[in-house]
Amino acid sequence: MENENLQLDRWDEMAVIADYQMICEIKRLIDCGDIENAKIGIHKLHHYATIDEKFEVSRYLTELMILIIKGITNSKYRIGRWANRIEQLRDNIEYARKNVECSTDDFIKSIWDEVFAFSKKQAEIWVKKTSVNSLSWYEVFEKEYLCLWEERMLQEEKLKLAS
């Protein structure tokens, strides 16, 4: 057991440096026939990869919520590629939801309130005060958002059609 704890510490240290180094060490252990230590390494690599994936989804969700809060609070933030960035972040999260077993809807729901609170705080650095007290799943993942210039173009089209 003591030897196993030393082994786990070594894997933890290696994980901080690089996944590639862990993979090379696992391969070396397999080539040497040390399957037990290779298994420990594989489990550790999986553990840290799961943490990384969850962090990425959390980061995407945070940025997405910040953008939406800023855009809802003040239209001056709905410029440039604002709506495109929202779609990119949604696509990144959707990719993780489909392809990474730890990035499920349940995981996203489990971090929702904490991520929203942090996102609101971060958005308020830019918009000072916001009346957005929550965001729904629909607002974050389904609602279509347009930049100001896209809204103007739609308004002009509607006016042309009405006349």
Protein backbone atom coordinates (compact mmCIF):
# COMPACT_ATOMS: atom_id res chain seq x y z
CA MET A 1 0.00 0.00 0.00
CA GLU A 2 2.81 2.42 0.84
CA ASN A 3 4.41 1.74 -2.54
CA GLU A 4 1.05 2.43 -4.24
CA ASN A 5 0.78 5.83 -2.51
CA LEU A 6 4.26 6.71 -3.72
CA GLN A 7 3.22 5.63 -7.22
CA LEU A 8 0.08 7.78 -7.09
CA ASP A 9 2.10 10.80 -5.98
CA ARG A 10 4.45 10.30 -8.92
CA TRP A 11 1.50 10.16 -11.33
CA ASP A 12 0.00 13.31 -9.80
CA GLU A 13 3.28 15.16 -10.25
CA MET A 14 3.59 13.92 -13.82
CA ALA A 15 0.02 15.02 -14.63
CA VAL A 16 0.89 18.58 -13.66
CA ILE A 17 3.72 18.59 -16.19
CA ALA A 18 2.09 17.01 -19.25
CA ASP A 19 -0.39 14.38 -20.39
CA TYR A 20 2.08 13.35 -23.09
CA GLN A 21 4.68 12.51 -20.46
CA MET A 22 2.11 10.35 -18.64
CA ILE A 23 1.27 8.52 -21.87
CA CYS A 24 4.96 7.88 -22.58
CA GLU A 25 5.42 6.51 -19.05
CA ILE A 26 2.36 4.27 -19.36
CA LYS A 27 3.68 2.92 -22.67
CA ARG A 28 7.10 2.31 -21.08
CA LEU A 29 5.50 0.44 -18.18
CA ILE A 30 3.46 -1.72 -20.56
CA ASP A 31 6.55 -2.45 -22.65
CA CYS A 32 8.37 -3.51 -19.43
CA GLY A 33 5.42 -5.70 -18.42
CA ASP A 34 4.51 -3.59 -15.36
CA ILE A 35 0.77 -3.72 -16.05
CA GLU A 36 -0.35 -2.83 -12.50
CA ASN A 37 1.51 0.48 -12.47
CA ALA A 38 0.41 1.14 -16.06
CA LYS A 39 -3.23 0.66 -14.94
CA ILE A 40 -2.71 3.17 -12.13
CA GLY A 41 -1.31 5.61 -14.68
CA ILE A 42 -4.26 5.10 -17.02
CA HIS A 43 -6.73 5.71 -14.20
CA LYS A 44 -4.88 8.87 -13.18
CA LEU A 45 -4.74 10.09 -16.79
CA HIS A 46 -8.49 9.50 -17.11
CA HIS A 47 -9.11 11.31 -13.81
CA TYR A 48 -7.16 14.41 -14.85
CA ALA A 49 -8.65 14.40 -18.36
CA THR A 50 -12.12 14.41 -16.77
CA ILE A 51 -11.20 17.38 -14.60
CA ASP A 52 -9.82 19.22 -17.65
CA GLU A 53 -12.96 18.58 -19.69
CA LYS A 54 -15.25 19.73 -16.90
CA PHE A 55 -13.16 22.86 -16.47
CA GLU A 56 -13.39 23.61 -20.20
CA VAL A 57 -17.17 23.25 -20.22
CA SER A 58 -17.39 25.44 -17.13
CA ARG A 59 -15.18 28.07 -18.81
CA TYR A 60 -17.28 28.03 -22.00
CA LEU A 61 -20.51 28.30 -20.00
CA THR A 62 -19.12 31.20 -17.98
CA GLU A 63 -18.08 33.15 -21.07
CA LEU A 64 -21.42 32.40 -22.71
CA MET A 65 -23.39 33.67 -19.73
CA ILE A 66 -21.22 36.80 -19.44
CA LEU A 67 -21.85 37.65 -23.11
CA ILE A 68 -25.60 37.11 -22.77
CA ILE A 69 -25.87 39.13 -19.56
CA LYS A 70 -23.88 42.01 -21.06
CA GLY A 71 -25.98 41.95 -24.24
CA ILE A 72 -29.28 41.85 -22.36
CA THR A 73 -28.22 44.65 -20.00
CA ASN A 74 -26.74 47.06 -22.52
CA SER A 75 -27.17 46.93 -26.30
CA LYS A 76 -23.77 48.56 -26.87
CA TYR A 77 -22.25 45.13 -26.12
CA ARG A 78 -24.21 43.54 -29.00
CA ILE A 79 -21.74 44.68 -31.64
CA GLY A 80 -19.27 43.01 -33.96
CA ARG A 81 -19.27 39.25 -33.70
CA TRP A 82 -21.15 39.09 -30.39
CA ALA A 83 -23.87 36.73 -31.65
CA ASN A 84 -21.29 34.65 -33.56
CA ARG A 85 -19.25 34.17 -30.37
CA ILE A 86 -22.38 33.00 -28.56
CA GLU A 87 -22.91 30.38 -31.28
CA GLN A 88 -19.26 29.28 -31.12
CA LEU A 89 -19.46 28.77 -27.36
CA ARG A 90 -22.73 26.88 -27.71
CA ASP A 91 -21.12 24.66 -30.35
CA ASN A 92 -18.13 23.98 -28.08
CA ILE A 93 -20.41 22.97 -25.21
CA GLU A 94 -22.61 20.87 -27.51
CA TYR A 95 -19.53 19.06 -28.84
CA ALA A 96 -18.46 18.24 -25.27
CA ARG A 97 -21.99 17.12 -24.34
CA LYS A 98 -22.03 14.69 -27.28
CA ASN A 99 -18.44 13.44 -27.15
CA VAL A 100 -17.17 13.65 -23.58
CA GLU A 101 -18.92 11.35 -21.12
CA CYS A 102 -18.38 13.64 -18.11
CA SER A 103 -19.85 16.75 -19.78
CA THR A 104 -23.51 15.84 -19.50
CA ASP A 105 -26.59 17.99 -19.09
CA ASP A 106 -26.65 16.86 -15.45
CA PHE A 107 -23.11 18.15 -14.96
CA ILE A 108 -24.02 21.49 -16.57
CA LYS A 109 -27.12 21.76 -14.38
CA SER A 110 -25.03 20.96 -11.29
CA ILE A 111 -22.74 23.96 -11.90
CA TRP A 112 -25.42 26.29 -13.33
CA ASP A 113 -26.12 28.46 -10.27
CA GLU A 114 -22.48 28.83 -9.33
CA VAL A 115 -21.45 29.69 -12.90
CA PHE A 116 -24.34 32.16 -13.22
CA ALA A 117 -23.39 33.96 -9.98
CA PHE A 118 -19.76 34.24 -11.10
CA SER A 119 -20.77 35.31 -14.64
CA LYS A 120 -23.11 38.00 -13.35
CA LYS A 121 -20.37 39.35 -11.10
CA GLN A 122 -17.93 39.42 -14.02
CA ALA A 123 -20.48 41.05 -16.37
CA GLU A 124 -21.14 43.76 -13.80
CA ILE A 125 -17.51 44.83 -14.10
CA TRP A 126 -18.50 46.04 -17.58
CA VAL A 127 -22.15 47.00 -17.20
CA LYS A 128 -21.99 48.19 -13.57
CA LYS A 129 -25.43 46.87 -12.57
CA THR A 130 -27.68 44.36 -14.28
CA SER A 131 -31.30 43.44 -13.73
CA VAL A 132 -30.64 39.89 -14.97
CA ASN A 133 -31.25 37.69 -11.94
CA SER A 134 -31.22 34.35 -13.71
CA LEU A 135 -30.76 32.78 -17.12
CA SER A 136 -32.84 29.88 -18.37
CA TRP A 137 -31.59 26.92 -20.38
CA TYR A 138 -33.48 28.38 -23.33
CA GLU A 139 -31.76 31.78 -23.04
CA VAL A 140 -28.32 30.20 -22.82
CA PHE A 141 -28.58 27.37 -25.34
CA GLU A 142 -31.52 27.97 -27.69
CA LYS A 143 -32.56 31.61 -28.02
CA GLU A 144 -31.39 33.33 -31.19
CA TYR A 145 -29.40 36.46 -30.51
CA LEU A 146 -28.65 39.11 -33.10
CA CYS A 147 -26.06 41.85 -33.17
CA LEU A 148 -27.32 45.42 -33.42
CA TRP A 149 -26.58 45.69 -37.15
CA GLU A 150 -28.54 42.47 -37.80
CA GLU A 151 -31.49 43.85 -35.86
CA ARG A 152 -31.37 47.09 -37.88
CA MET A 153 -31.34 45.14 -41.14
CA LEU A 154 -34.39 43.12 -40.03
CA GLN A 155 -36.20 46.31 -39.00
CA GLU A 156 -35.45 47.90 -42.40
CA GLU A 157 -36.74 44.79 -44.19
CA LYS A 158 -39.91 44.85 -42.12
CA LEU A 159 -40.44 48.53 -42.95
CA LYS A 160 -39.94 47.85 -46.68
CA LEU A 161 -42.39 44.96 -46.59
CA ALA A 162 -44.95 47.04 -44.68
CA SER A 163 -44.87 49.89 -47.20
